[in-house]
């Protein structure tokens, strides 16, 4: 998701409209960025009421500081940075422990499932069972992600769900790209270990 001329031009038009007094244009900005903001807020903050307050603070901050946006990144990335910093300040005030010198190793991939190539066989029962298994596995993975430290689960979400590049994540978090990669490396290892424990526990 690299920055393109089209993205920049669209952002510039929206910003100019807002700064000229067009309130509905800011509503369009919210619509374009609310998914990204929600992903960051929901992964970094657990309390539902605080999430609502923080989301309002994020867009209020974006509106107040819109004239300072210099189009050096996508507008969504700039607002994502405001969201990240707002949540980070919240966590620091709440005295949450942020990732530091964790001794964690690398991660590995996941297994595969196959169906024998037999045109005459009835696989409907197997397919239904496989879909159920995949749904259960998805829920297990999601539950394990929620157990990660706030910044780890945020980076996992931005990279794998939102498909942002390392550079875009760096712009949002202001972390060096090497640190982003390192934290993702650690997060995947913690996630892998948790999944292995869960699969063994439930004998899935």
C-alpha atoms as a PDB file:
ATOM      1  CA  UNK A   1       0.000   0.000   0.000  1.00  0.00           C
ATOM      2  CA  UNK A   2       2.478   2.612  -1.162  1.00  0.00           C
ATOM      3  CA  UNK A   3       1.656   6.291  -1.352  1.00  0.00           C
ATOM      4  CA  UNK A   4       0.447   7.239  -4.834  1.00  0.00           C
ATOM      5  CA  UNK A   5      -0.118  10.573  -6.571  1.00  0.00           C
ATOM      6  CA  UNK A   6      -3.830   9.835  -6.703  1.00  0.00           C
ATOM      7  CA  UNK A   7      -4.007   9.255  -2.962  1.00  0.00           C
ATOM      8  CA  UNK A   8      -2.132  12.482  -2.281  1.00  0.00           C
ATOM      9  CA  UNK A   9      -4.339  14.485  -4.635  1.00  0.00           C
ATOM     10  CA  UNK A  10      -7.521  13.113  -3.080  1.00  0.00           C
ATOM     11  CA  UNK A  11      -6.171  13.853   0.413  1.00  0.00           C
ATOM     12  CA  UNK A  12      -5.250  17.398  -0.613  1.00  0.00           C
ATOM     13  CA  UNK A  13      -8.711  18.098  -1.950  1.00  0.00           C
ATOM     14  CA  UNK A  14     -10.375  16.806   1.215  1.00  0.00           C
ATOM     15  CA  UNK A  15      -8.068  18.777   3.496  1.00  0.00           C
ATOM     16  CA  UNK A  16      -8.597  21.965   1.482  1.00  0.00           C
ATOM     17  CA  UNK A  17     -12.375  21.510   1.705  1.00  0.00           C
ATOM     18  CA  UNK A  18     -12.258  21.044   5.493  1.00  0.00           C
ATOM     19  CA  UNK A  19      -9.969  24.034   5.989  1.00  0.00           C
ATOM     20  CA  UNK A  20     -12.300  26.163   3.866  1.00  0.00           C
ATOM     21  CA  UNK A  21     -15.185  25.336   6.200  1.00  0.00           C
ATOM     22  CA  UNK A  22     -16.761  22.272   4.572  1.00  0.00           C
ATOM     23  CA  UNK A  23     -17.669  20.139   7.614  1.00  0.00           C
ATOM     24  CA  UNK A  24     -19.040  17.267   5.516  1.00  0.00           C
ATOM     25  CA  UNK A  25     -15.575  16.784   4.008  1.00  0.00           C
ATOM     26  CA  UNK A  26     -14.222  15.904   7.432  1.00  0.00           C
ATOM     27  CA  UNK A  27     -17.014  13.350   7.703  1.00  0.00           C
ATOM     28  CA  UNK A  28     -15.599  11.795   4.544  1.00  0.00           C
ATOM     29  CA  UNK A  29     -12.160  11.720   6.143  1.00  0.00           C
ATOM     30  CA  UNK A  30     -13.644   9.910   9.133  1.00  0.00           C
ATOM     31  CA  UNK A  31     -15.364   7.399   6.840  1.00  0.00           C
ATOM     32  CA  UNK A  32     -12.098   6.765   4.988  1.00  0.00           C
ATOM     33  CA  UNK A  33     -10.043   6.228   8.150  1.00  0.00           C
ATOM     34  CA  UNK A  34     -12.415   4.863  10.798  1.00  0.00           C
ATOM     35  CA  UNK A  35     -11.508   1.223  10.118  1.00  0.00           C
ATOM     36  CA  UNK A  36      -7.792   1.906  10.636  1.00  0.00           C
ATOM     37  CA  UNK A  37      -8.455   4.000  13.749  1.00  0.00           C
ATOM     38  CA  UNK A  38     -10.777   1.336  15.158  1.00  0.00           C
ATOM     39  CA  UNK A  39      -8.166  -1.383  14.592  1.00  0.00           C
ATOM     40  CA  UNK A  40      -5.565   0.615  16.494  1.00  0.00           C
ATOM     41  CA  UNK A  41      -7.868   1.643  19.345  1.00  0.00           C
ATOM     42  CA  UNK A  42      -9.425  -1.802  19.776  1.00  0.00           C
ATOM     43  CA  UNK A  43      -6.038  -3.551  19.797  1.00  0.00           C
ATOM     44  CA  UNK A  44      -4.378  -1.141  22.208  1.00  0.00           C
ATOM     45  CA  UNK A  45      -7.247  -0.417  24.620  1.00  0.00           C
ATOM     46  CA  UNK A  46      -9.482  -2.990  26.326  1.00  0.00           C
ATOM     47  CA  UNK A  47     -11.973  -0.740  28.115  1.00  0.00           C
ATOM     48  CA  UNK A  48     -15.027  -0.089  25.905  1.00  0.00           C
ATOM     49  CA  UNK A  49     -15.852   3.321  27.404  1.00  0.00           C
ATOM     50  CA  UNK A  50     -12.255   4.483  27.090  1.00  0.00           C
ATOM     51  CA  UNK A  51     -12.259   3.365  23.457  1.00  0.00           C
ATOM     52  CA  UNK A  52     -15.180   5.691  22.708  1.00  0.00           C
ATOM     53  CA  UNK A  53     -13.522   8.628  24.453  1.00  0.00           C
ATOM     54  CA  UNK A  54     -10.197   7.996  22.742  1.00  0.00           C
ATOM     55  CA  UNK A  55     -11.798   7.743  19.307  1.00  0.00           C
ATOM     56  CA  UNK A  56     -13.421  11.139  19.852  1.00  0.00           C
ATOM     57  CA  UNK A  57     -10.116  12.577  21.076  1.00  0.00           C
ATOM     58  CA  UNK A  58      -8.318  11.196  18.005  1.00  0.00           C
ATOM     59  CA  UNK A  59     -10.623  12.851  15.493  1.00  0.00           C
ATOM     60  CA  UNK A  60     -10.846  16.042  17.514  1.00  0.00           C
ATOM     61  CA  UNK A  61      -7.040  16.170  17.506  1.00  0.00           C
ATOM     62  CA  UNK A  62      -6.961  15.458  13.772  1.00  0.00           C
ATOM     63  CA  UNK A  63      -9.478  18.241  13.080  1.00  0.00           C
ATOM     64  CA  UNK A  64      -7.635  20.774  15.224  1.00  0.00           C
ATOM     65  CA  UNK A  65      -4.257  19.971  13.683  1.00  0.00           C
ATOM     66  CA  UNK A  66      -5.343  19.404  10.089  1.00  0.00           C
ATOM     67  CA  UNK A  67      -3.691  22.627   8.948  1.00  0.00           C
ATOM     68  CA  UNK A  68      -0.351  21.143  10.060  1.00  0.00           C
ATOM     69  CA  UNK A  69      -0.649  18.141   7.735  1.00  0.00           C
ATOM     70  CA  UNK A  70       2.098  18.502   5.104  1.00  0.00           C
ATOM     71  CA  UNK A  71       1.159  15.630   2.734  1.00  0.00           C
ATOM     72  CA  UNK A  72       4.450  13.829   3.391  1.00  0.00           C
ATOM     73  CA  UNK A  73       2.437  10.656   3.959  1.00  0.00           C
ATOM     74  CA  UNK A  74      -1.104   9.521   3.260  1.00  0.00           C
ATOM     75  CA  UNK A  75      -3.738  11.303   5.337  1.00  0.00           C
ATOM     76  CA  UNK A  76      -4.859   7.939   6.728  1.00  0.00           C
ATOM     77  CA  UNK A  77      -1.307   7.260   7.907  1.00  0.00           C
ATOM     78  CA  UNK A  78      -1.140  10.671   9.597  1.00  0.00           C
ATOM     79  CA  UNK A  79      -4.436  10.054  11.393  1.00  0.00           C
ATOM     80  CA  UNK A  80      -3.253   6.542  12.252  1.00  0.00           C
ATOM     81  CA  UNK A  81      -0.235   8.118  13.937  1.00  0.00           C
ATOM     82  CA  UNK A  82      -2.519  10.385  15.969  1.00  0.00           C
ATOM     83  CA  UNK A  83      -4.548   7.322  16.972  1.00  0.00           C
ATOM     84  CA  UNK A  84      -1.447   5.375  17.946  1.00  0.00           C
ATOM     85  CA  UNK A  85       0.063   8.230  19.970  1.00  0.00           C
ATOM     86  CA  UNK A  86      -3.261   8.922  21.701  1.00  0.00           C
ATOM     87  CA  UNK A  87      -3.553   5.280  22.742  1.00  0.00           C
ATOM     88  CA  UNK A  88       0.115   5.127  23.715  1.00  0.00           C
ATOM     89  CA  UNK A  89      -0.344   8.134  26.012  1.00  0.00           C
ATOM     90  CA  UNK A  90      -3.398   6.410  27.494  1.00  0.00           C
ATOM     91  CA  UNK A  91      -1.411   3.233  28.185  1.00  0.00           C
ATOM     92  CA  UNK A  92       1.443   5.168  29.753  1.00  0.00           C
ATOM     93  CA  UNK A  93      -0.954   7.017  32.052  1.00  0.00           C
ATOM     94  CA  UNK A  94      -2.513   3.683  33.017  1.00  0.00           C
ATOM     95  CA  UNK A  95       1.026   2.380  33.636  1.00  0.00           C
ATOM     96  CA  UNK A  96       0.740  -0.575  31.266  1.00  0.00           C
ATOM     97  CA  UNK A  97       3.989  -2.449  30.677  1.00  0.00           C
ATOM     98  CA  UNK A  98       5.115  -1.837  27.108  1.00  0.00           C
ATOM     99  CA  UNK A  99       7.320  -4.244  25.116  1.00  0.00           C
ATOM    100  CA  UNK A 100      10.961  -4.077  26.063  1.00  0.00           C
ATOM    101  CA  UNK A 101      13.791  -6.541  26.406  1.00  0.00           C
ATOM    102  CA  UNK A 102      11.824  -9.721  25.857  1.00  0.00           C
ATOM    103  CA  UNK A 103      13.813 -12.856  25.159  1.00  0.00           C
ATOM    104  CA  UNK A 104      11.689 -14.373  22.425  1.00  0.00           C
ATOM    105  CA  UNK A 105      12.688 -16.448  19.419  1.00  0.00           C
ATOM    106  CA  UNK A 106      11.373 -16.686  15.866  1.00  0.00           C
ATOM    107  CA  UNK A 107       8.095 -18.169  14.630  1.00  0.00           C
ATOM    108  CA  UNK A 108       7.201 -20.845  12.089  1.00  0.00           C
ATOM    109  CA  UNK A 109       4.344 -21.546   9.683  1.00  0.00           C
ATOM    110  CA  UNK A 110       1.144 -23.492  10.064  1.00  0.00           C
ATOM    111  CA  UNK A 111       0.042 -26.902   8.890  1.00  0.00           C
ATOM    112  CA  UNK A 112      -1.999 -27.888   5.815  1.00  0.00           C
ATOM    113  CA  UNK A 113      -5.133 -29.931   5.187  1.00  0.00           C
ATOM    114  CA  UNK A 114      -5.844 -32.008   2.073  1.00  0.00           C
ATOM    115  CA  UNK A 115      -8.656 -33.974   0.427  1.00  0.00           C
ATOM    116  CA  UNK A 116      -7.951 -37.113  -1.593  1.00  0.00           C
ATOM    117  CA  UNK A 117      -8.669 -36.624  -5.290  1.00  0.00           C
ATOM    118  CA  UNK A 118     -11.577 -39.074  -5.708  1.00  0.00           C
ATOM    119  CA  UNK A 119     -14.321 -37.741  -8.039  1.00  0.00           C
ATOM    120  CA  UNK A 120     -16.856 -40.304  -6.846  1.00  0.00           C
ATOM    121  CA  UNK A 121     -16.522 -39.610  -3.150  1.00  0.00           C
ATOM    122  CA  UNK A 122     -19.001 -37.563  -1.093  1.00  0.00           C
ATOM    123  CA  UNK A 123     -16.991 -34.963   0.799  1.00  0.00           C
ATOM    124  CA  UNK A 124     -19.920 -32.875   2.082  1.00  0.00           C
ATOM    125  CA  UNK A 125     -19.539 -34.157   5.643  1.00  0.00           C
ATOM    126  CA  UNK A 126     -15.785 -33.686   5.570  1.00  0.00           C
ATOM    127  CA  UNK A 127     -16.071 -30.167   4.144  1.00  0.00           C
ATOM    128  CA  UNK A 128     -18.609 -29.159   6.813  1.00  0.00           C
ATOM    129  CA  UNK A 129     -16.301 -30.559   9.473  1.00  0.00           C
ATOM    130  CA  UNK A 130     -13.334 -28.749   7.949  1.00  0.00           C
ATOM    131  CA  UNK A 131     -15.230 -25.426   7.923  1.00  0.00           C
ATOM    132  CA  UNK A 132     -16.098 -25.914  11.582  1.00  0.00           C
ATOM    133  CA  UNK A 133     -12.464 -26.643  12.346  1.00  0.00           C
ATOM    134  CA  UNK A 134     -11.327 -23.526  10.475  1.00  0.00           C
ATOM    135  CA  UNK A 135     -13.854 -21.402  12.379  1.00  0.00           C
ATOM    136  CA  UNK A 136     -12.681 -22.840  15.699  1.00  0.00           C
ATOM    137  CA  UNK A 137      -9.062 -22.253  14.722  1.00  0.00           C
ATOM    138  CA  UNK A 138      -9.846 -18.641  13.766  1.00  0.00           C
ATOM    139  CA  UNK A 139     -11.437 -18.039  17.168  1.00  0.00           C
ATOM    140  CA  UNK A 140      -8.437 -19.556  18.918  1.00  0.00           C
ATOM    141  CA  UNK A 141      -6.019 -17.365  16.946  1.00  0.00           C
ATOM    142  CA  UNK A 142      -8.106 -14.248  17.650  1.00  0.00           C
ATOM    143  CA  UNK A 143      -8.236 -15.076  21.367  1.00  0.00           C
ATOM    144  CA  UNK A 144      -4.460 -15.550  21.479  1.00  0.00           C
ATOM    145  CA  UNK A 145      -3.860 -12.254  19.671  1.00  0.00           C
ATOM    146  CA  UNK A 146      -5.938 -10.494  22.328  1.00  0.00           C
ATOM    147  CA  UNK A 147      -3.552 -11.853  24.982  1.00  0.00           C
ATOM    148  CA  UNK A 148      -0.563 -10.099  23.392  1.00  0.00           C
ATOM    149  CA  UNK A 149       0.739  -6.788  24.781  1.00  0.00           C
ATOM    150  CA  UNK A 150      -1.196  -3.860  23.242  1.00  0.00           C
ATOM    151  CA  UNK A 151       1.554  -2.726  20.885  1.00  0.00           C
ATOM    152  CA  UNK A 152       2.259  -6.275  19.698  1.00  0.00           C
ATOM    153  CA  UNK A 153      -1.350  -6.987  18.801  1.00  0.00           C
ATOM    154  CA  UNK A 154      -1.589  -3.587  17.124  1.00  0.00           C
ATOM    155  CA  UNK A 155       1.429  -4.293  14.919  1.00  0.00           C
ATOM    156  CA  UNK A 156       0.128  -7.766  14.074  1.00  0.00           C
ATOM    157  CA  UNK A 157      -3.204  -6.237  13.057  1.00  0.00           C
ATOM    158  CA  UNK A 158      -1.715  -3.393  11.018  1.00  0.00           C
ATOM    159  CA  UNK A 159       0.631  -5.711   9.148  1.00  0.00           C
ATOM    160  CA  UNK A 160      -1.516  -8.795   8.604  1.00  0.00           C
ATOM    161  CA  UNK A 161      -5.109  -7.459   8.667  1.00  0.00           C
ATOM    162  CA  UNK A 162      -4.670  -3.957   7.269  1.00  0.00           C
ATOM    163  CA  UNK A 163      -1.757  -5.086   5.055  1.00  0.00           C
ATOM    164  CA  UNK A 164       0.270  -1.951   5.762  1.00  0.00           C
ATOM    165  CA  UNK A 165       3.922  -1.892   4.783  1.00  0.00           C
ATOM    166  CA  UNK A 166       6.748  -1.653   7.313  1.00  0.00           C
ATOM    167  CA  UNK A 167       7.218   1.958   6.194  1.00  0.00           C
ATOM    168  CA  UNK A 168       3.560   2.846   6.775  1.00  0.00           C
ATOM    169  CA  UNK A 169       3.658   1.208  10.208  1.00  0.00           C
ATOM    170  CA  UNK A 170       6.853   3.122  10.951  1.00  0.00           C
ATOM    171  CA  UNK A 171       5.107   6.372  10.022  1.00  0.00           C
ATOM    172  CA  UNK A 172       2.157   5.565  12.281  1.00  0.00           C
ATOM    173  CA  UNK A 173       4.143   4.387  15.295  1.00  0.00           C
ATOM    174  CA  UNK A 174       7.308   6.491  14.758  1.00  0.00           C
ATOM    175  CA  UNK A 175       9.230   3.355  15.700  1.00  0.00           C
ATOM    176  CA  UNK A 176      12.343   2.605  13.611  1.00  0.00           C
ATOM    177  CA  UNK A 177      11.605   0.076  10.879  1.00  0.00           C
ATOM    178  CA  UNK A 178      14.027  -2.364  12.499  1.00  0.00           C
ATOM    179  CA  UNK A 179      12.081  -2.110  15.764  1.00  0.00           C
ATOM    180  CA  UNK A 180       8.794  -2.709  13.948  1.00  0.00           C
ATOM    181  CA  UNK A 181      10.231  -5.870  12.396  1.00  0.00           C
ATOM    182  CA  UNK A 182      11.695  -6.955  15.726  1.00  0.00           C
ATOM    183  CA  UNK A 183       8.407  -6.458  17.586  1.00  0.00           C
ATOM    184  CA  UNK A 184       6.521  -8.361  14.877  1.00  0.00           C
ATOM    185  CA  UNK A 185       9.116 -11.120  15.153  1.00  0.00           C
ATOM    186  CA  UNK A 186       8.558 -11.321  18.902  1.00  0.00           C
ATOM    187  CA  UNK A 187       4.766 -11.031  18.649  1.00  0.00           C
ATOM    188  CA  UNK A 188       4.581 -13.961  16.225  1.00  0.00           C
ATOM    189  CA  UNK A 189       6.699 -16.081  18.550  1.00  0.00           C
ATOM    190  CA  UNK A 190       4.477 -15.327  21.556  1.00  0.00           C
ATOM    191  CA  UNK A 191       1.410 -16.004  19.403  1.00  0.00           C
ATOM    192  CA  UNK A 192       2.861 -19.288  18.140  1.00  0.00           C
ATOM    193  CA  UNK A 193       3.713 -20.490  21.668  1.00  0.00           C
ATOM    194  CA  UNK A 194       0.226 -19.598  22.890  1.00  0.00           C
ATOM    195  CA  UNK A 195      -1.394 -21.446  20.008  1.00  0.00           C
ATOM    196  CA  UNK A 196       0.726 -24.534  20.586  1.00  0.00           C
ATOM    197  CA  UNK A 197      -0.295 -24.559  24.245  1.00  0.00           C
ATOM    198  CA  UNK A 198      -3.955 -24.072  23.309  1.00  0.00           C
ATOM    199  CA  UNK A 199      -3.983 -26.824  20.680  1.00  0.00           C
ATOM    200  CA  UNK A 200      -2.321 -29.228  23.079  1.00  0.00           C
ATOM    201  CA  UNK A 201      -4.704 -28.273  25.885  1.00  0.00           C
ATOM    202  CA  UNK A 202      -7.851 -28.722  23.782  1.00  0.00           C
ATOM    203  CA  UNK A 203      -6.407 -31.639  21.765  1.00  0.00           C
ATOM    204  CA  UNK A 204      -7.417 -30.013  18.524  1.00  0.00           C
END
